[in-house]
Amino acid sequence: MNLSSENRAPAIHSVLDTSDFGMAGVLIALVVITIWAISFGLLLSSVCVERTSLYWVVVAILWQAFLCTGLFITAHDAMHESILPQHQINHFIGSLALLLYGFFSYDQISKKHLQHHHAPASASDPDFHDGTHKNAIAWYICFMQRYWSWWRLAALFIAYGSMHSFLNIAYANLILFSAVPMILSSIQVFYFGTFLPHREPIDGYQNTSRAQSIYRPLLWSFLTCYHFGYHQEHHLQPNIPWWKLPSISYSFPTKRIWFE
């Protein structure tokens, strides 16, 4: 069921100077990666799936999926050099985050993402639908096909096989706490970071970024996709890191918030 309410974006016109963030972006990125790594290691090595209740297995899967999304969002910030502006560490952290996320190529993803910003919601946008498959499921399949790679799948199989053989990690743990969270994370990133912000409104696109913001309570905004509901703000100031997006809302016309 869709719930809606009327809300006005906070009127904050000042443009944030990313140079004021100092090392905060690096620290936050490293915290996200570290929490993911600790959780990943514990879930793989310390949880016996057969002896754990279904409830806690589901909780663990959702938790790890959320952390996987954090890896992707961290890499996304690196693409915009917003972890530490104008420093090579952006690309190092971004490459590491995408490697841990699922053996993705940072250079390839970065090139496609910058193309998305250059021509959002258009035929030239690698994240946009093909003009025919506009519903969420069909668009997601179209979206994933553009990032699919057989060698990446092979690398995952080799990694899982190696961890099973040399670290004695059960395949059930690898599937439930690595493969499934990765898939759920891709759905989360697509739905909240691409589909909702960039689907065409009933009255057509209203701005050059062809994006709409979906304002939610702060905690819900964080849990859905690390504040990427503030999507028009992101397109207007892509150098602002995810954790600062709620601070740069502009005076947009009154919007309808959809909780979907």
Protein backbone atom coordinates (compact mmCIF):
# COMPACT_ATOMS: atom_id res chain seq x y z
CA MET A 1 0.00 0.00 0.00
CA ASN A 2 1.26 3.50 -0.83
CA LEU A 3 1.22 6.08 1.94
CA SER A 4 1.64 9.70 1.01
CA SER A 5 2.02 13.03 2.78
CA GLU A 6 2.83 16.55 1.72
CA ASN A 7 6.17 18.03 2.63
CA ARG A 8 8.35 20.94 1.63
CA ALA A 9 12.09 20.58 1.28
CA PRO A 10 14.05 22.72 3.78
CA ALA A 11 15.11 26.02 2.26
CA ILE A 12 18.90 25.85 2.43
CA HIS A 13 20.57 27.78 -0.36
CA SER A 14 24.18 27.76 0.75
CA VAL A 15 26.49 25.57 -1.28
CA LEU A 16 28.63 23.37 0.93
CA ASP A 17 32.37 23.64 0.53
CA THR A 18 33.66 20.08 0.47
CA SER A 19 37.10 21.27 1.52
CA ASP A 20 35.61 21.89 4.97
CA PHE A 21 34.99 18.17 5.48
CA GLY A 22 38.66 17.39 6.01
CA MET A 23 39.32 13.72 6.66
CA ALA A 24 35.73 12.99 7.72
CA GLY A 25 34.90 11.39 4.38
CA VAL A 26 37.89 9.06 4.57
CA LEU A 27 37.03 8.08 8.14
CA ILE A 28 33.38 7.37 7.28
CA ALA A 29 34.36 5.35 4.21
CA LEU A 30 36.81 3.26 6.24
CA VAL A 31 34.22 2.73 8.98
CA VAL A 32 31.70 1.43 6.40
CA ILE A 33 34.28 -0.94 4.87
CA THR A 34 35.50 -2.11 8.29
CA ILE A 35 32.01 -2.83 9.64
CA TRP A 36 31.20 -4.76 6.46
CA ALA A 37 34.43 -6.77 6.73
CA ILE A 38 33.93 -7.66 10.41
CA SER A 39 30.30 -8.61 9.87
CA PHE A 40 31.17 -10.60 6.75
CA GLY A 41 33.91 -12.52 8.53
CA LEU A 42 31.80 -13.31 11.58
CA LEU A 43 28.77 -14.43 9.59
CA LEU A 44 30.86 -16.73 7.42
CA SER A 45 32.99 -18.26 10.15
CA SER A 46 30.92 -18.14 13.34
CA VAL A 47 27.32 -18.81 12.35
CA CYS A 48 26.02 -22.34 11.99
CA VAL A 49 23.00 -21.93 9.74
CA GLU A 50 21.48 -25.27 10.75
CA ARG A 51 21.49 -24.27 14.42
CA THR A 52 20.30 -20.70 13.93
CA SER A 53 16.62 -19.74 13.86
CA LEU A 54 15.19 -18.61 10.54
CA TYR A 55 14.37 -15.22 12.06
CA TRP A 56 18.02 -14.45 12.89
CA VAL A 57 19.22 -15.77 9.55
CA VAL A 58 16.86 -13.34 7.79
CA VAL A 59 17.99 -10.49 10.04
CA ALA A 60 21.63 -11.29 9.28
CA ILE A 61 20.94 -11.39 5.53
CA LEU A 62 19.19 -8.00 5.58
CA TRP A 63 21.93 -6.51 7.76
CA GLN A 64 24.65 -7.71 5.42
CA ALA A 65 22.70 -6.48 2.39
CA PHE A 66 22.53 -3.02 3.96
CA LEU A 67 26.29 -3.08 4.54
CA CYS A 68 26.85 -4.18 0.93
CA THR A 69 24.87 -1.15 -0.17
CA GLY A 70 27.20 0.92 1.99
CA LEU A 71 30.14 -0.43 0.02
CA PHE A 72 28.52 0.60 -3.26
CA ILE A 73 27.59 4.06 -1.97
CA THR A 74 31.16 4.52 -0.72
CA ALA A 75 32.47 3.64 -4.18
CA HIS A 76 29.92 6.03 -5.67
CA ASP A 77 31.25 8.87 -3.53
CA ALA A 78 34.76 7.98 -4.68
CA MET A 79 33.65 8.37 -8.31
CA HIS A 80 32.68 11.95 -7.53
CA GLU A 81 35.87 12.51 -5.51
CA SER A 82 33.83 13.40 -2.45
CA ILE A 83 35.62 11.10 0.02
CA LEU A 84 38.66 13.37 0.00
CA PRO A 85 38.39 16.01 -2.74
CA GLN A 86 41.13 16.02 -5.37
CA HIS A 87 43.08 13.17 -3.85
CA GLN A 88 44.08 9.82 -5.33
CA ILE A 89 42.75 8.02 -2.25
CA ASN A 90 39.25 8.36 -3.72
CA HIS A 91 40.07 5.89 -6.46
CA PHE A 92 41.86 3.51 -4.10
CA ILE A 93 38.91 3.37 -1.70
CA GLY A 94 36.42 3.17 -4.56
CA SER A 95 38.29 0.29 -6.19
CA LEU A 96 38.52 -1.55 -2.87
CA ALA A 97 34.83 -1.06 -2.10
CA LEU A 98 33.72 -2.40 -5.50
CA LEU A 99 36.15 -5.30 -5.29
CA LEU A 100 34.64 -6.32 -1.95
CA TYR A 101 31.13 -5.66 -3.24
CA GLY A 102 31.39 -8.20 -6.04
CA PHE A 103 34.58 -7.95 -8.11
CA PHE A 104 33.25 -4.97 -10.07
CA SER A 105 35.60 -2.82 -12.14
CA TYR A 106 35.85 0.66 -10.62
CA ASP A 107 36.95 2.21 -13.92
CA GLN A 108 34.04 0.65 -15.81
CA ILE A 109 31.40 1.56 -13.24
CA SER A 110 32.81 5.06 -12.85
CA LYS A 111 32.71 5.69 -16.60
CA LYS A 112 29.10 4.54 -16.83
CA HIS A 113 28.04 6.50 -13.78
CA LEU A 114 29.52 9.75 -15.05
CA GLN A 115 27.72 9.06 -18.34
CA HIS A 116 24.51 8.76 -16.30
CA HIS A 117 25.14 12.22 -14.84
CA HIS A 118 25.89 13.64 -18.27
CA ALA A 119 22.60 12.47 -19.79
CA PRO A 120 20.26 11.28 -17.01
CA ALA A 121 17.07 9.40 -17.88
CA SER A 122 17.83 9.36 -21.60
CA ALA A 123 18.82 6.87 -24.28
CA SER A 124 22.45 7.69 -23.50
CA ASP A 125 22.04 6.87 -19.82
CA PRO A 126 23.37 3.34 -19.08
CA ASP A 127 21.16 3.18 -15.98
CA PHE A 128 17.92 4.08 -17.77
CA HIS A 129 15.40 1.65 -19.22
CA ASP A 130 15.38 0.82 -22.93
CA GLY A 131 12.19 2.76 -23.65
CA THR A 132 10.02 -0.34 -23.44
CA HIS A 133 10.71 -2.04 -20.10
CA LYS A 134 9.62 0.74 -17.77
CA ASN A 135 8.17 -1.19 -14.83
CA ALA A 136 10.47 -1.87 -11.87
CA ILE A 137 11.13 -5.57 -12.51
CA ALA A 138 11.78 -5.29 -16.26
CA TRP A 139 13.87 -2.15 -15.78
CA TYR A 140 15.94 -3.89 -13.07
CA ILE A 141 16.67 -6.82 -15.39
CA CYS A 142 17.65 -4.41 -18.17
CA PHE A 143 19.77 -2.46 -15.66
CA MET A 144 21.65 -5.54 -14.44
CA GLN A 145 22.30 -6.90 -17.94
CA ARG A 146 24.39 -3.82 -18.66
CA TYR A 147 26.67 -4.58 -15.72
CA TRP A 148 26.71 -8.38 -16.11
CA SER A 149 30.01 -10.12 -16.68
CA TRP A 150 30.79 -13.82 -17.01
CA TRP A 151 34.32 -13.33 -15.74
CA ARG A 152 32.95 -11.67 -12.61
CA LEU A 153 30.67 -14.64 -12.02
CA ALA A 154 33.65 -16.95 -12.52
CA ALA A 155 35.69 -14.92 -10.04
CA LEU A 156 32.91 -15.23 -7.45
CA PHE A 157 32.75 -19.01 -7.94
CA ILE A 158 36.53 -19.27 -7.56
CA ALA A 159 36.45 -17.10 -4.43
CA TYR A 160 33.63 -19.12 -2.88
CA GLY A 161 35.31 -22.41 -3.77
CA SER A 162 38.60 -21.22 -2.27
CA MET A 163 36.98 -20.05 0.97
CA HIS A 164 35.15 -23.37 1.24
CA SER A 165 38.25 -25.46 0.55
CA PHE A 166 40.93 -23.54 2.42
CA LEU A 167 38.95 -21.80 5.19
CA ASN A 168 36.35 -24.54 5.69
CA ILE A 169 33.45 -22.12 5.25
CA ALA A 170 30.13 -23.79 4.56
CA TYR A 171 28.52 -23.15 1.19
CA ALA A 172 25.27 -22.30 3.01
CA ASN A 173 27.03 -19.37 4.72
CA LEU A 174 28.57 -18.21 1.47
CA ILE A 175 25.24 -18.25 -0.30
CA LEU A 176 23.13 -16.75 2.50
CA PHE A 177 25.58 -14.14 3.79
CA SER A 178 27.40 -13.20 0.61
CA ALA A 179 25.52 -14.03 -2.60
CA VAL A 180 22.00 -13.26 -1.34
CA PRO A 181 22.97 -9.93 0.33
CA MET A 182 24.75 -8.90 -2.86
CA ILE A 183 21.63 -9.52 -4.92
CA LEU A 184 19.37 -7.78 -2.39
CA SER A 185 21.76 -4.84 -2.30
CA SER A 186 21.63 -4.49 -6.09
CA ILE A 187 17.83 -4.37 -5.84
CA GLN A 188 18.03 -1.76 -3.07
CA VAL A 189 20.46 0.43 -5.01
CA PHE A 190 18.39 0.14 -8.18
CA TYR A 191 14.98 0.72 -6.60
CA PHE A 192 15.83 3.61 -4.29
CA GLY A 193 18.74 5.08 -6.25
CA THR A 194 17.56 4.70 -9.86
CA PHE A 195 13.94 3.63 -10.32
CA LEU A 196 12.17 5.92 -7.84
CA PRO A 197 14.27 9.06 -8.52
CA HIS A 198 14.41 8.73 -12.31
CA ARG A 199 11.11 7.19 -13.40
CA GLU A 200 9.10 9.67 -15.42
CA PRO A 201 6.44 11.48 -13.36
CA ILE A 202 2.85 11.62 -14.61
CA ASP A 203 3.33 15.28 -15.56
CA GLY A 204 6.76 14.68 -17.11
CA TYR A 205 10.24 15.60 -15.96
CA GLN A 206 10.39 18.99 -14.29
CA ASN A 207 14.14 19.71 -14.25
CA THR A 208 17.28 19.24 -16.33
CA SER A 209 18.59 16.48 -14.05
CA ARG A 210 15.39 14.54 -14.83
CA ALA A 211 15.34 13.43 -11.21
CA GLN A 212 13.00 13.82 -8.30
CA SER A 213 13.76 13.76 -4.61
CA ILE A 214 11.83 11.61 -2.20
CA TYR A 215 12.02 13.07 1.28
CA ARG A 216 11.70 10.68 4.18
CA PRO A 217 12.37 10.90 7.92
CA LEU A 218 16.13 10.97 8.48
CA LEU A 219 16.51 7.40 9.80
CA TRP A 220 14.28 5.94 7.08
CA SER A 221 16.18 7.95 4.48
CA PHE A 222 19.42 6.41 5.74
CA LEU A 223 18.08 2.86 5.90
CA THR A 224 16.51 2.87 2.44
CA CYS A 225 19.65 3.85 0.54
CA TYR A 226 22.03 6.09 2.49
CA HIS A 227 20.03 9.29 1.80
CA PHE A 228 19.88 8.79 -1.96
CA GLY A 229 16.26 9.86 -1.84
CA TYR A 230 17.80 13.35 -1.99
CA HIS A 231 18.46 12.65 -5.61
CA GLN A 232 17.86 15.98 -7.28
CA GLU A 233 20.22 17.50 -4.74
CA HIS A 234 22.80 14.87 -5.65
CA HIS A 235 22.56 15.69 -9.35
CA LEU A 236 22.87 19.40 -8.65
CA GLN A 237 25.87 18.92 -6.34
CA PRO A 238 27.36 15.48 -7.08
CA ASN A 239 30.51 16.29 -5.09
CA ILE A 240 28.55 16.23 -1.82
CA PRO A 241 29.03 12.92 0.05
CA TRP A 242 26.02 10.77 0.96
CA TRP A 243 26.16 11.66 4.63
CA LYS A 244 25.78 15.39 3.86
CA LEU A 245 22.89 15.14 1.37
CA PRO A 246 20.15 15.93 3.95
CA SER A 247 21.97 19.20 4.68
CA ILE A 248 21.70 20.65 1.17
CA SER A 249 17.99 20.44 0.40
CA TYR A 250 16.86 23.25 -1.86
CA SER A 251 13.63 25.21 -2.07
CA PHE A 252 11.82 22.92 -4.45
CA PRO A 253 8.06 23.16 -4.92
CA THR A 254 5.94 21.15 -2.56
CA LYS A 255 6.45 17.46 -3.27
CA ARG A 256 4.53 14.31 -2.57
CA ILE A 257 6.44 11.71 -0.63
CA TRP A 258 5.80 8.11 -1.63
CA PHE A 259 6.57 5.32 0.80
CA GLU A 260 6.70 2.38 -1.61
